[in-house]
C-alpha atoms as a PDB file:
ATOM      1  CA  MET A   1      17.510  19.162  -6.971  1.00  0.00           C
ATOM      2  CA  ALA A   2      15.518  16.041  -7.937  1.00  0.00           C
ATOM      3  CA  PHE A   3      17.330  13.888  -5.369  1.00  0.00           C
ATOM      4  CA  GLU A   4      16.058  15.968  -2.469  1.00  0.00           C
ATOM      5  CA  ALA A   5      12.462  14.805  -2.992  1.00  0.00           C
ATOM      6  CA  GLN A   6      13.598  11.234  -2.233  1.00  0.00           C
ATOM      7  CA  GLY A   7      15.212  12.221   1.057  1.00  0.00           C
ATOM      8  CA  ALA A   8      18.431  10.986   2.672  1.00  0.00           C
ATOM      9  CA  ILE A   9      18.718   7.682   4.550  1.00  0.00           C
ATOM     10  CA  VAL A  10      19.037   8.156   8.327  1.00  0.00           C
ATOM     11  CA  PRO A  11      21.031   5.406  10.140  1.00  0.00           C
ATOM     12  CA  PHE A  12      18.721   4.876  13.112  1.00  0.00           C
ATOM     13  CA  ALA A  13      19.422   2.144  15.654  1.00  0.00           C
ATOM     14  CA  HIS A  14      15.776   1.083  15.968  1.00  0.00           C
ATOM     15  CA  PRO A  15      15.203  -1.844  13.554  1.00  0.00           C
ATOM     16  CA  ARG A  16      11.743  -0.613  12.538  1.00  0.00           C
ATOM     17  CA  LEU A  17      13.259   2.672  11.383  1.00  0.00           C
ATOM     18  CA  ARG A  18      15.689   1.033   8.975  1.00  0.00           C
ATOM     19  CA  PHE A  19      15.661   2.799   5.587  1.00  0.00           C
ATOM     20  CA  THR A  20      13.838   5.809   7.034  1.00  0.00           C
ATOM     21  CA  ARG A  21      14.614   8.959   5.066  1.00  0.00           C
ATOM     22  CA  VAL A  22      14.501  12.646   5.903  1.00  0.00           C
ATOM     23  CA  ARG A  23      13.636  15.452   3.492  1.00  0.00           C
ATOM     24  CA  ARG A  24      12.170  18.947   3.453  1.00  0.00           C
ATOM     25  CA  SER A  25       8.557  19.539   2.472  1.00  0.00           C
ATOM     26  CA  GLU A  26       7.410  22.242   0.089  1.00  0.00           C
ATOM     27  CA  GLU A  27       6.834  24.381   3.177  1.00  0.00           C
ATOM     28  CA  TYR A  28      10.490  23.729   4.105  1.00  0.00           C
ATOM     29  CA  ARG A  29       9.560  21.638   7.143  1.00  0.00           C
ATOM     30  CA  LEU A  30      11.350  18.372   7.881  1.00  0.00           C
ATOM     31  CA  GLU A  31       9.517  15.201   6.896  1.00  0.00           C
ATOM     32  CA  ALA A  32      10.237  11.535   7.613  1.00  0.00           C
ATOM     33  CA  LEU A  33       9.600   8.842   4.975  1.00  0.00           C
ATOM     34  CA  LEU A  34       9.041   5.454   6.591  1.00  0.00           C
ATOM     35  CA  PRO A  35       8.880   2.353   4.363  1.00  0.00           C
ATOM     36  CA  SER A  36       7.079  -0.935   4.954  1.00  0.00           C
ATOM     37  CA  LEU A  37       5.672  -0.104   8.381  1.00  0.00           C
ATOM     38  CA  ILE A  38       2.910  -2.714   8.312  1.00  0.00           C
ATOM     39  CA  GLY A  39       4.516  -5.443   6.240  1.00  0.00           C
ATOM     40  CA  GLY A  40       3.697  -4.039   2.823  1.00  0.00           C
ATOM     41  CA  ARG A  41       5.591  -1.836   0.403  1.00  0.00           C
ATOM     42  CA  GLU A  42       3.974   1.443   1.306  1.00  0.00           C
ATOM     43  CA  ILE A  43       5.903   4.580   2.155  1.00  0.00           C
ATOM     44  CA  TYR A  44       4.416   6.798   4.840  1.00  0.00           C
ATOM     45  CA  VAL A  45       5.242  10.482   5.130  1.00  0.00           C
ATOM     46  CA  LEU A  46       4.953  12.328   8.417  1.00  0.00           C
ATOM     47  CA  ALA A  47       6.350  15.347  10.190  1.00  0.00           C
ATOM     48  CA  TRP A  48       9.912  14.757  11.438  1.00  0.00           C
ATOM     49  CA  PRO A  49       9.182  15.378  15.176  1.00  0.00           C
ATOM     50  CA  ALA A  50       6.325  12.858  15.006  1.00  0.00           C
ATOM     51  CA  LEU A  51       8.886  10.029  14.766  1.00  0.00           C
ATOM     52  CA  MET A  52       9.149  10.164  18.537  1.00  0.00           C
ATOM     53  CA  LYS A  53       5.424   9.326  18.766  1.00  0.00           C
ATOM     54  CA  MET A  54       5.742   6.226  16.596  1.00  0.00           C
ATOM     55  CA  TYR A  55       7.958   4.064  18.785  1.00  0.00           C
ATOM     56  CA  VAL A  56       9.723   4.157  22.120  1.00  0.00           C
ATOM     57  CA  LEU A  57      13.133   5.324  20.925  1.00  0.00           C
ATOM     58  CA  ASP A  58      16.356   5.136  22.866  1.00  0.00           C
ATOM     59  CA  ILE A  59      18.382   8.240  23.649  1.00  0.00           C
ATOM     60  CA  ALA A  60      20.666   7.785  20.609  1.00  0.00           C
ATOM     61  CA  ASP A  61      17.862   7.887  18.051  1.00  0.00           C
ATOM     62  CA  ARG A  62      16.185  10.800  19.829  1.00  0.00           C
ATOM     63  CA  MET A  63      19.478  12.714  19.814  1.00  0.00           C
ATOM     64  CA  LEU A  64      19.908  11.942  16.104  1.00  0.00           C
ATOM     65  CA  ILE A  65      16.438  13.312  15.322  1.00  0.00           C
ATOM     66  CA  GLU A  66      17.274  16.512  17.186  1.00  0.00           C
ATOM     67  CA  GLU A  67      20.784  16.821  15.703  1.00  0.00           C
ATOM     68  CA  ILE A  68      19.481  16.586  12.130  1.00  0.00           C
ATOM     69  CA  ALA A  69      16.757  19.124  12.878  1.00  0.00           C
ATOM     70  CA  ALA A  70      19.344  21.509  14.345  1.00  0.00           C
ATOM     71  CA  ARG A  71      21.638  21.324  11.291  1.00  0.00           C
ATOM     72  CA  GLY A  72      19.101  22.863   8.944  1.00  0.00           C
ATOM     73  CA  ASP A  73      19.870  20.685   5.910  1.00  0.00           C
ATOM     74  CA  THR A  74      19.038  17.126   4.900  1.00  0.00           C
ATOM     75  CA  ASN A  75      21.576  16.028   2.297  1.00  0.00           C
ATOM     76  CA  PRO A  76      23.475  12.744   2.931  1.00  0.00           C
ATOM     77  CA  ILE A  77      26.694  14.526   3.933  1.00  0.00           C
ATOM     78  CA  VAL A  78      24.888  16.462   6.667  1.00  0.00           C
ATOM     79  CA  VAL A  79      23.115  13.308   7.893  1.00  0.00           C
ATOM     80  CA  HIS A  80      26.458  11.450   8.021  1.00  0.00           C
ATOM     81  CA  LYS A  81      28.031  14.238  10.082  1.00  0.00           C
ATOM     82  CA  ALA A  82      25.026  14.265  12.421  1.00  0.00           C
ATOM     83  CA  ARG A  83      25.351  10.521  12.993  1.00  0.00           C
ATOM     84  CA  LEU A  84      29.091  10.851  13.688  1.00  0.00           C
ATOM     85  CA  THR A  85      28.457  13.671  16.163  1.00  0.00           C
ATOM     86  CA  VAL A  86      25.924  11.638  18.145  1.00  0.00           C
ATOM     87  CA  ALA A  87      28.082   8.496  18.011  1.00  0.00           C
ATOM     88  CA  ARG A  88      31.190  10.335  19.213  1.00  0.00           C
ATOM     89  CA  LEU A  89      29.206  11.438  22.276  1.00  0.00           C
ATOM     90  CA  GLY A  90      28.730   7.760  23.152  1.00  0.00           C
ATOM     91  CA  ALA A  91      24.962   7.690  22.646  1.00  0.00           C
ATOM     92  CA  PHE A  92      25.119   4.555  20.459  1.00  0.00           C
ATOM     93  CA  GLY A  93      27.430   2.746  22.898  1.00  0.00           C
ATOM     94  CA  ALA A  94      31.154   2.451  23.541  1.00  0.00           C
ATOM     95  CA  GLU A  95      31.895   0.360  20.437  1.00  0.00           C
ATOM     96  CA  ALA A  96      30.106   2.798  18.128  1.00  0.00           C
ATOM     97  CA  GLN A  97      31.857   5.680  19.879  1.00  0.00           C
ATOM     98  CA  SER A  98      35.294   4.160  19.206  1.00  0.00           C
ATOM     99  CA  LEU A  99      34.354   3.431  15.595  1.00  0.00           C
ATOM    100  CA  ALA A 100      33.093   6.986  15.050  1.00  0.00           C
ATOM    101  CA  LYS A 101      36.308   8.422  16.463  1.00  0.00           C
ATOM    102  CA  ALA A 102      38.374   6.114  14.237  1.00  0.00           C
ATOM    103  CA  GLN A 103      36.318   7.152  11.188  1.00  0.00           C
ATOM    104  CA  SER A 104      36.766  10.839  11.993  1.00  0.00           C
ATOM    105  CA  ASP A 105      40.509  10.403  12.488  1.00  0.00           C
ATOM    106  CA  ALA A 106      40.826   8.427   9.251  1.00  0.00           C
ATOM    107  CA  ALA A 107      38.883  11.084   7.339  1.00  0.00           C
ATOM    108  CA  GLN A 108      41.129  13.818   8.702  1.00  0.00           C
ATOM    109  CA  THR A 109      44.291  11.873   7.838  1.00  0.00           C
ATOM    110  CA  HIS A 110      42.981  11.231   4.332  1.00  0.00           C
ATOM    111  CA  GLU A 111      42.093  14.903   3.880  1.00  0.00           C
ATOM    112  CA  ILE A 112      45.697  15.820   4.717  1.00  0.00           C
ATOM    113  CA  GLN A 113      46.905  13.347   2.096  1.00  0.00           C
ATOM    114  CA  VAL A 114      44.613  14.946  -0.490  1.00  0.00           C
ATOM    115  CA  TYR A 115      46.002  18.355   0.481  1.00  0.00           C
ATOM    116  CA  PHE A 116      49.550  17.071  -0.037  1.00  0.00           C
ATOM    117  CA  SER A 117      48.490  15.716  -3.445  1.00  0.00           C
ATOM    118  CA  LEU A 118      47.193  19.147  -4.401  1.00  0.00           C
ATOM    119  CA  ILE A 119      50.429  20.771  -3.244  1.00  0.00           C
ATOM    120  CA  GLU A 120      52.512  18.293  -5.212  1.00  0.00           C
ATOM    121  CA  ASN A 121      50.377  18.865  -8.299  1.00  0.00           C
ATOM    122  CA  LEU A 122      51.208  22.572  -8.103  1.00  0.00           C
ATOM    123  CA  ARG A 123      54.769  21.512  -8.927  1.00  0.00           C
ATOM    124  CA  THR A 124      53.632  20.045 -12.254  1.00  0.00           C
ATOM    125  CA  ALA A 125      51.872  23.260 -13.257  1.00  0.00           C
ATOM    126  CA  PHE A 126      54.154  25.942 -11.859  1.00  0.00           C
ATOM    127  CA  ALA A 127      57.523  24.460 -10.849  1.00  0.00           C
ATOM    128  CA  SER A 128      58.178  21.495 -13.099  1.00  0.00           C
ATOM    129  CA  THR A 129      61.958  21.800 -12.690  1.00  0.00           C
ATOM    130  CA  GLU A 130      61.656  21.008  -8.972  1.00  0.00           C
ATOM    131  CA  GLU A 131      62.235  17.445  -7.793  1.00  0.00           C
ATOM    132  CA  ALA A 132      59.065  15.362  -7.639  1.00  0.00           C
ATOM    133  CA  TRP A 133      58.069  14.005  -4.227  1.00  0.00           C
ATOM    134  CA  GLU A 134      56.150  10.847  -3.432  1.00  0.00           C
ATOM    135  CA  LEU A 135      53.289  11.433  -0.971  1.00  0.00           C
ATOM    136  CA  PRO A 136      54.849   9.417   1.899  1.00  0.00           C
ATOM    137  CA  ARG A 137      57.691  11.945   1.973  1.00  0.00           C
ATOM    138  CA  TYR A 138      55.306  14.695   3.114  1.00  0.00           C
ATOM    139  CA  ASP A 139      55.090  15.149   6.890  1.00  0.00           C
ATOM    140  CA  LEU A 140      53.352  18.132   8.514  1.00  0.00           C
ATOM    141  CA  LYS A 141      55.808  18.040  11.422  1.00  0.00           C
ATOM    142  CA  SER A 142      58.808  18.169   9.112  1.00  0.00           C
ATOM    143  CA  ARG A 143      60.631  21.438   8.393  1.00  0.00           C
ATOM    144  CA  GLU A 144      61.491  20.037   4.952  1.00  0.00           C
ATOM    145  CA  THR A 145      57.784  19.624   4.186  1.00  0.00           C
ATOM    146  CA  GLN A 146      56.969  23.139   5.368  1.00  0.00           C
ATOM    147  CA  ASN A 147      59.692  24.557   3.126  1.00  0.00           C
ATOM    148  CA  ARG A 148      58.406  22.492   0.220  1.00  0.00           C
ATOM    149  CA  ILE A 149      54.825  23.720   0.669  1.00  0.00           C
ATOM    150  CA  ASN A 150      55.967  27.319   1.012  1.00  0.00           C
ATOM    151  CA  LEU A 151      58.058  27.110  -2.181  1.00  0.00           C
ATOM    152  CA  LEU A 152      55.324  25.580  -4.345  1.00  0.00           C
ATOM    153  CA  VAL A 153      52.530  27.789  -3.024  1.00  0.00           C
ATOM    154  CA  GLN A 154      54.656  30.901  -3.414  1.00  0.00           C
ATOM    155  CA  THR A 155      55.488  29.956  -7.000  1.00  0.00           C
ATOM    156  CA  ALA A 156      51.818  29.312  -7.793  1.00  0.00           C
ATOM    157  CA  ALA A 157      50.739  32.559  -6.124  1.00  0.00           C
ATOM    158  CA  LYS A 158      53.213  34.540  -8.205  1.00  0.00           C
ATOM    159  CA  SER A 159      52.113  32.870 -11.451  1.00  0.00           C
ATOM    160  CA  LEU A 160      48.428  33.393 -10.701  1.00  0.00           C
ATOM    161  CA  ASP A 161      48.925  36.855  -9.220  1.00  0.00           C
ATOM    162  CA  LYS A 162      47.062  35.867  -6.051  1.00  0.00           C
ATOM    163  CA  PRO A 163      47.985  36.100  -2.349  1.00  0.00           C
ATOM    164  CA  LYS A 164      49.744  33.041  -0.961  1.00  0.00           C
ATOM    165  CA  THR A 165      47.229  32.812   1.891  1.00  0.00           C
ATOM    166  CA  GLU A 166      44.403  32.632  -0.659  1.00  0.00           C
ATOM    167  CA  ILE A 167      46.062  29.734  -2.477  1.00  0.00           C
ATOM    168  CA  ILE A 168      46.515  27.808   0.780  1.00  0.00           C
ATOM    169  CA  SER A 169      42.943  28.486   1.894  1.00  0.00           C
ATOM    170  CA  ASN A 170      41.527  27.387  -1.464  1.00  0.00           C
ATOM    171  CA  LEU A 171      43.535  24.161  -1.456  1.00  0.00           C
ATOM    172  CA  GLU A 172      42.367  23.370   2.076  1.00  0.00           C
ATOM    173  CA  VAL A 173      38.736  23.875   1.029  1.00  0.00           C
ATOM    174  CA  LEU A 174      39.229  21.715  -2.062  1.00  0.00           C
ATOM    175  CA  ALA A 175      40.862  18.925  -0.024  1.00  0.00           C
ATOM    176  CA  GLU A 176      37.992  18.949   2.469  1.00  0.00           C
ATOM    177  CA  MET A 177      35.290  18.904  -0.201  1.00  0.00           C
ATOM    178  CA  THR A 178      36.783  16.279  -2.522  1.00  0.00           C
ATOM    179  CA  GLY A 179      38.489  14.133   0.132  1.00  0.00           C
ATOM    180  CA  PRO A 180      35.620  11.676   0.707  1.00  0.00           C
ATOM    181  CA  MET A 181      35.493  10.700  -2.981  1.00  0.00           C
ATOM    182  CA  VAL A 182      39.072  10.690  -4.279  1.00  0.00           C
ATOM    183  CA  GLN A 183      42.194   8.629  -3.774  1.00  0.00           C
ATOM    184  CA  ALA A 184      45.484  10.070  -2.567  1.00  0.00           C
ATOM    185  CA  GLY A 185      48.333   7.598  -2.808  1.00  0.00           C
ATOM    186  CA  SER A 186      47.065   4.439  -1.117  1.00  0.00           C
ATOM    187  CA  SER A 187      44.468   6.356   0.903  1.00  0.00           C
ATOM    188  CA  GLN A 188      40.821   6.234  -0.214  1.00  0.00           C
ATOM    189  CA  GLY A 189      37.969   8.537   0.768  1.00  0.00           C
ATOM    190  CA  ARG A 190      34.841   7.260   2.541  1.00  0.00           C
ATOM    191  CA  MET A 191      32.516   7.561  -0.454  1.00  0.00           C
ATOM    192  CA  LEU A 192      35.066   5.986  -2.759  1.00  0.00           C
ATOM    193  CA  VAL A 193      35.207   2.976  -0.420  1.00  0.00           C
ATOM    194  CA  GLU A 194      31.394   2.829  -0.497  1.00  0.00           C
ATOM    195  CA  LEU A 195      31.453   2.939  -4.291  1.00  0.00           C
ATOM    196  CA  LEU A 196      33.916   0.039  -4.490  1.00  0.00           C
ATOM    197  CA  ALA A 197      31.726  -1.986  -2.105  1.00  0.00           C
ATOM    198  CA  MET A 198      28.726  -1.212  -4.300  1.00  0.00           C
ATOM    199  CA  LYS A 199      30.598  -2.457  -7.370  1.00  0.00           C
ATOM    200  CA  GLU A 200      31.367  -5.761  -5.630  1.00  0.00           C
ATOM    201  CA  PHE A 201      27.748  -6.014  -4.555  1.00  0.00           C
ATOM    202  CA  MET A 202      26.559  -5.570  -8.138  1.00  0.00           C
ATOM    203  CA  LYS A 203      29.006  -8.263  -9.337  1.00  0.00           C
ATOM    204  CA  ASP A 204      27.729 -10.616  -6.641  1.00  0.00           C
ATOM    205  CA  VAL A 205      24.093  -9.949  -7.563  1.00  0.00           C
ATOM    206  CA  ALA A 206      24.902 -10.620 -11.229  1.00  0.00           C
ATOM    207  CA  ARG A 207      26.443 -13.984 -10.284  1.00  0.00           C
ATOM    208  CA  ALA A 208      23.560 -15.009  -8.022  1.00  0.00           C
ATOM    209  CA  ARG A 209      21.365 -17.856  -9.238  1.00  0.00           C
ATOM    210  CA  LEU A 210      18.370 -17.641  -6.942  1.00  0.00           C
ATOM    211  CA  GLY A 211      15.601 -19.011  -9.102  1.00  0.00           C
ATOM    212  CA  GLY A 212      12.419 -17.902  -7.387  1.00  0.00           C
ATOM    213  CA  ASP A 213       9.230 -16.447  -8.777  1.00  0.00           C
ATOM    214  CA  VAL A 214       8.740 -13.855 -11.486  1.00  0.00           C
ATOM    215  CA  GLU A 215       8.749 -11.016  -8.961  1.00  0.00           C
ATOM    216  CA  THR A 216      12.165 -12.075  -7.613  1.00  0.00           C
ATOM    217  CA  GLN A 217      13.611 -12.146 -11.110  1.00  0.00           C
ATOM    218  CA  THR A 218      12.008  -8.781 -11.897  1.00  0.00           C
ATOM    219  CA  LEU A 219      13.579  -7.302  -8.771  1.00  0.00           C
ATOM    220  CA  MET A 220      16.994  -8.706  -9.694  1.00  0.00           C
ATOM    221  CA  THR A 221      16.667  -7.055 -13.110  1.00  0.00           C
ATOM    222  CA  TYR A 222      15.641  -3.741 -11.539  1.00  0.00           C
ATOM    223  CA  LEU A 223      18.475  -3.937  -8.989  1.00  0.00           C
ATOM    224  CA  ARG A 224      21.082  -4.533 -11.682  1.00  0.00           C
ATOM    225  CA  LEU A 225      19.641  -1.797 -13.906  1.00  0.00           C
ATOM    226  CA  SER A 226      19.528   0.731 -11.069  1.00  0.00           C
ATOM    227  CA  GLY A 227      23.024  -0.166  -9.867  1.00  0.00           C
ATOM    228  CA  ASN A 228      24.648  -0.096 -13.279  1.00  0.00           C
ATOM    229  CA  THR A 229      22.933   3.180 -14.172  1.00  0.00           C
ATOM    230  CA  THR A 230      24.187   4.716 -10.930  1.00  0.00           C
ATOM    231  CA  LEU A 231      27.733   3.439 -11.454  1.00  0.00           C
ATOM    232  CA  SER A 232      27.766   4.823 -14.985  1.00  0.00           C
ATOM    233  CA  PHE A 233      26.483   8.175 -13.746  1.00  0.00           C
ATOM    234  CA  LEU A 234      29.084   8.323 -10.957  1.00  0.00           C
ATOM    235  CA  SER A 235      32.064   7.321 -13.069  1.00  0.00           C
ATOM    236  CA  GLY A 236      31.885  10.531 -15.099  1.00  0.00           C
ATOM    237  CA  ILE A 237      31.574  12.794 -12.045  1.00  0.00           C
ATOM    238  CA  LEU A 238      34.327  11.042 -10.083  1.00  0.00           C
ATOM    239  CA  GLY A 239      36.587  11.301 -13.124  1.00  0.00           C
ATOM    240  CA  LYS A 240      36.048  15.073 -13.177  1.00  0.00           C
ATOM    241  CA  LEU A 241      36.768  15.386  -9.459  1.00  0.00           C
ATOM    242  CA  ALA A 242      39.948  13.317  -9.768  1.00  0.00           C
ATOM    243  CA  ASP A 243      41.029  15.515 -12.668  1.00  0.00           C
ATOM    244  CA  LEU A 244      40.527  18.648 -10.551  1.00  0.00           C
ATOM    245  CA  VAL A 245      42.761  17.219  -7.827  1.00  0.00           C
ATOM    246  CA  GLU A 246      45.380  16.244 -10.397  1.00  0.00           C
ATOM    247  CA  LYS A 247      45.266  19.664 -12.097  1.00  0.00           C
ATOM    248  CA  PRO A 248      44.215  22.227  -9.443  1.00  0.00           C
ATOM    249  CA  SER A 249      45.752  25.132 -11.351  1.00  0.00           C
ATOM    250  CA  ARG A 250      42.680  25.463 -13.590  1.00  0.00           C
ATOM    251  CA  LEU A 251      40.368  25.661 -10.585  1.00  0.00           C
ATOM    252  CA  LEU A 252      42.584  28.168  -8.776  1.00  0.00           C
ATOM    253  CA  THR A 253      42.493  30.437 -11.822  1.00  0.00           C
ATOM    254  CA  ARG A 254      38.673  30.743 -11.736  1.00  0.00           C
ATOM    255  CA  TRP A 255      37.968  29.832  -8.145  1.00  0.00           C
ATOM    256  CA  ASP A 256      34.443  31.144  -7.515  1.00  0.00           C
ATOM    257  CA  GLN A 257      32.896  29.487 -10.566  1.00  0.00           C
ATOM    258  CA  GLY A 258      34.990  26.336 -10.202  1.00  0.00           C
ATOM    259  CA  ILE A 259      34.347  25.632  -6.527  1.00  0.00           C
ATOM    260  CA  ALA A 260      30.586  26.027  -7.049  1.00  0.00           C
ATOM    261  CA  ARG A 261      30.787  23.277  -9.668  1.00  0.00           C
ATOM    262  CA  VAL A 262      32.864  21.100  -7.312  1.00  0.00           C
ATOM    263  CA  GLU A 263      30.236  21.505  -4.598  1.00  0.00           C
ATOM    264  CA  GLU A 264      27.558  20.466  -7.091  1.00  0.00           C
ATOM    265  CA  TYR A 265      29.556  17.363  -8.078  1.00  0.00           C
ATOM    266  CA  VAL A 266      30.159  16.398  -4.437  1.00  0.00           C
ATOM    267  CA  LEU A 267      26.456  16.616  -3.599  1.00  0.00           C
ATOM    268  CA  LEU A 268      25.519  14.599  -6.694  1.00  0.00           C
ATOM    269  CA  VAL A 269      27.905  11.813  -5.673  1.00  0.00           C
ATOM    270  CA  SER A 270      26.591  11.759  -2.102  1.00  0.00           C
ATOM    271  CA  TRP A 271      22.980  11.592  -3.289  1.00  0.00           C
ATOM    272  CA  ALA A 272      23.626   8.930  -5.935  1.00  0.00           C
ATOM    273  CA  LEU A 273      25.388   6.681  -3.391  1.00  0.00           C
ATOM    274  CA  ASN A 274      22.794   7.276  -0.690  1.00  0.00           C
ATOM    275  CA  GLY A 275      21.138   4.046   0.432  1.00  0.00           C
ATOM    276  CA  TRP A 276      23.447   1.588  -1.321  1.00  0.00           C
ATOM    277  CA  SER A 277      25.552   0.855   1.785  1.00  0.00           C
ATOM    278  CA  GLU A 278      22.418  -0.369   3.568  1.00  0.00           C
ATOM    279  CA  LEU A 279      21.645  -2.770   0.701  1.00  0.00           C
ATOM    280  CA  VAL A 280      25.251  -3.987   0.647  1.00  0.00           C
ATOM    281  CA  GLY A 281      24.977  -4.721   4.379  1.00  0.00           C
ATOM    282  CA  LEU A 282      21.759  -6.715   3.959  1.00  0.00           C
ATOM    283  CA  TRP A 283      23.208  -8.722   1.093  1.00  0.00           C
ATOM    284  CA  THR A 284      26.525  -9.372   2.853  1.00  0.00           C
ATOM    285  CA  ASP A 285      24.728 -10.779   5.898  1.00  0.00           C
ATOM    286  CA  SER A 286      22.938 -13.311   3.671  1.00  0.00           C
ATOM    287  CA  ARG A 287      25.848 -14.216   1.394  1.00  0.00           C
ATOM    288  CA  GLY A 288      26.178 -17.896   0.593  1.00  0.00           C
ATOM    289  CA  HIS A 289      22.603 -18.821   1.529  1.00  0.00           C
ATOM    290  CA  SER A 290      20.097 -18.561  -1.300  1.00  0.00           C
ATOM    291  CA  GLN A 291      17.031 -18.585   0.956  1.00  0.00           C
ATOM    292  CA  LEU A 292      18.484 -15.832   3.115  1.00  0.00           C
ATOM    293  CA  GLN A 293      19.305 -13.860  -0.018  1.00  0.00           C
ATOM    294  CA  ILE A 294      15.726 -14.172  -1.249  1.00  0.00           C
ATOM    295  CA  ALA A 295      14.548 -12.980   2.191  1.00  0.00           C
ATOM    296  CA  ALA A 296      17.015 -10.090   1.983  1.00  0.00           C
ATOM    297  CA  LEU A 297      15.549  -9.151  -1.400  1.00  0.00           C
ATOM    298  CA  GLU A 298      12.168  -8.730   0.288  1.00  0.00           C
ATOM    299  CA  GLN A 299      13.683  -5.949   2.385  1.00  0.00           C
ATOM    300  CA  ILE A 300      15.697  -4.597  -0.525  1.00  0.00           C
ATOM    301  CA  ALA A 301      12.723  -4.420  -2.928  1.00  0.00           C
ATOM    302  CA  PRO A 302      11.047  -1.205  -1.704  1.00  0.00           C
ATOM    303  CA  ASN A 303      14.364   0.417  -0.834  1.00  0.00           C
ATOM    304  CA  VAL A 304      16.407   0.164  -4.026  1.00  0.00           C
ATOM    305  CA  PRO A 305      17.981   3.611  -4.584  1.00  0.00           C
ATOM    306  CA  PHE A 306      17.337   5.010  -8.035  1.00  0.00           C
ATOM    307  CA  LEU A 307      18.420   8.055  -9.961  1.00  0.00           C
ATOM    308  CA  PRO A 308      15.511  10.514 -10.311  1.00  0.00           C
ATOM    309  CA  PRO A 309      13.926  10.653 -13.781  1.00  0.00           C
ATOM    310  CA  ALA A 310      15.235  14.207 -14.157  1.00  0.00           C
ATOM    311  CA  ILE A 311      18.774  12.798 -13.939  1.00  0.00           C
ATOM    312  CA  THR A 312      18.406   9.646 -16.047  1.00  0.00           C
ATOM    313  CA  ALA A 313      16.185  11.295 -18.659  1.00  0.00           C
ATOM    314  CA  ALA A 314      18.982  13.682 -19.515  1.00  0.00           C
ATOM    315  CA  ALA A 315      21.084  10.724 -20.618  1.00  0.00           C
ATOM    316  CA  ASP A 316      18.542   8.165 -21.814  1.00  0.00           C
ATOM    317  CA  SER A 317      14.802   8.859 -21.848  1.00  0.00           C
ATOM    318  CA  GLU A 318      13.898   5.239 -22.630  1.00  0.00           C
ATOM    319  CA  GLN A 319      15.941   3.923 -19.713  1.00  0.00           C
ATOM    320  CA  ALA A 320      14.423   6.570 -17.419  1.00  0.00           C
ATOM    321  CA  ALA A 321      10.939   5.333 -18.330  1.00  0.00           C
ATOM    322  CA  ILE A 322      11.930   1.719 -17.623  1.00  0.00           C
ATOM    323  CA  MET A 323      13.401   2.670 -14.251  1.00  0.00           C
ATOM    324  CA  GLU A 324      10.283   4.570 -13.253  1.00  0.00           C
ATOM    325  CA  ARG A 325       8.057   1.643 -14.248  1.00  0.00           C
ATOM    326  CA  PHE A 326      10.161  -0.789 -12.202  1.00  0.00           C
ATOM    327  CA  LYS A 327      10.108   1.530  -9.196  1.00  0.00           C
ATOM    328  CA  LYS A 328       6.326   1.815  -9.234  1.00  0.00           C
ATOM    329  CA  SER A 329       5.990  -1.967  -9.144  1.00  0.00           C
ATOM    330  CA  PHE A 330       7.892  -2.146  -5.851  1.00  0.00           C
ATOM    331  CA  VAL A 331       6.688   0.985  -4.066  1.00  0.00           C
ATOM    332  CA  SER A 332       2.959   1.094  -4.518  1.00  0.00           C
ATOM    333  CA  VAL A 333       1.393   3.614  -2.116  1.00  0.00           C
ATOM    334  CA  THR A 334       2.413   6.871  -0.454  1.00  0.00           C
ATOM    335  CA  GLY A 335       0.370   8.058   2.515  1.00  0.00           C
ATOM    336  CA  ASN A 336       0.849  11.710   3.428  1.00  0.00           C
ATOM    337  CA  TRP A 337       0.793  12.766   7.070  1.00  0.00           C
ATOM    338  CA  ILE A 338       2.544  16.052   6.571  1.00  0.00           C
ATOM    339  CA  SER A 339       0.273  17.820   9.026  1.00  0.00           C
ATOM    340  CA  GLY A 340       1.937  15.933  11.866  1.00  0.00           C
ATOM    341  CA  ASP A 341      -1.463  14.858  13.239  1.00  0.00           C
ATOM    342  CA  LEU A 342      -1.217  11.073  13.240  1.00  0.00           C
ATOM    343  CA  ASN A 343      -4.150   8.712  12.952  1.00  0.00           C
ATOM    344  CA  GLY A 344      -4.265   6.998  16.357  1.00  0.00           C
ATOM    345  CA  ASP A 345      -5.644   3.702  15.046  1.00  0.00           C
ATOM    346  CA  MET A 346      -2.925   3.516  12.373  1.00  0.00           C
ATOM    347  CA  VAL A 347      -0.182   4.240  14.927  1.00  0.00           C
ATOM    348  CA  ASP A 348      -1.518   1.508  17.223  1.00  0.00           C
ATOM    349  CA  LEU A 349      -1.571  -0.940  14.305  1.00  0.00           C
ATOM    350  CA  MET A 350       2.008  -0.109  13.349  1.00  0.00           C
ATOM    351  CA  ARG A 351       3.205  -0.507  16.916  1.00  0.00           C
ATOM    352  CA  ALA A 352       1.454  -3.881  17.156  1.00  0.00           C
ATOM    353  CA  ARG A 353       3.081  -5.068  13.942  1.00  0.00           C
ATOM    354  CA  GLY A 354       6.482  -3.704  15.124  1.00  0.00           C
END
């Protein structure tokens, strides 16, 4: 996948590791991509374990490096789960531990709501004469809810000529996979919340009147182009995922082919959103102060997420070329240290600048 070459943002605590990404090399080894280490717009690539040689890291960041290495994959969903695991252990402090637990609990509650939505949507396809339920009426501890689920699943299983246990298992898998990016009643998934925050960020950037030099205005243009292209790309995928939740009968009919496509959609959404939350945070901290916003743009410039040319070219080759040209003007040099043998003088210089 084209996104994988860019790597996934890793939420380190160390300020000098902000916007660091992790990816796999062609030899399938983990690599770290570190931007702007010495005040420029370079991106340095080094072996993942070598991060511990760069700076004196606290236990939380060291645990995060090891947790990601142990998980064997580097997509944004895996990195998010790794961060939650380390945070729940208390490595990032008591406040982060409480927040991680709250996020995990909220995600689980939302996943249950998505599951109830899927169950209720079985009624539309297979038992339309049954009374419709609103989501708040569902309660896992309620006998009435258990009877309701059993009735609808049994009816669907009979219509599809599949075991009831298979229907339940498939719906649970679908709820877990799509939960982060769909809405169920008033409950919104984590990635959907991130998307809405990104939309507000793009509106705020469009309203900003910062003046500044030509480079600032060029960056603003690139930021809006990248953001709007990403939002357009995501709207189609999220619409398909929402449709699958609303009409699960089609997916249940051809499960193996359908769930593979769902997994592909979910990964595309996670990759396309990757990195935007960090930009939203930088911009939010500077809101209302034009000079602070211009300073924030200096950090944003080399870290603007962009859809890979392989993705954008499929929709608009001219726009893909423009995006690539903009990107090159903000990220100028890539130094490769994939051997893991760091240049001692360069490391000393980076530490001094840090």
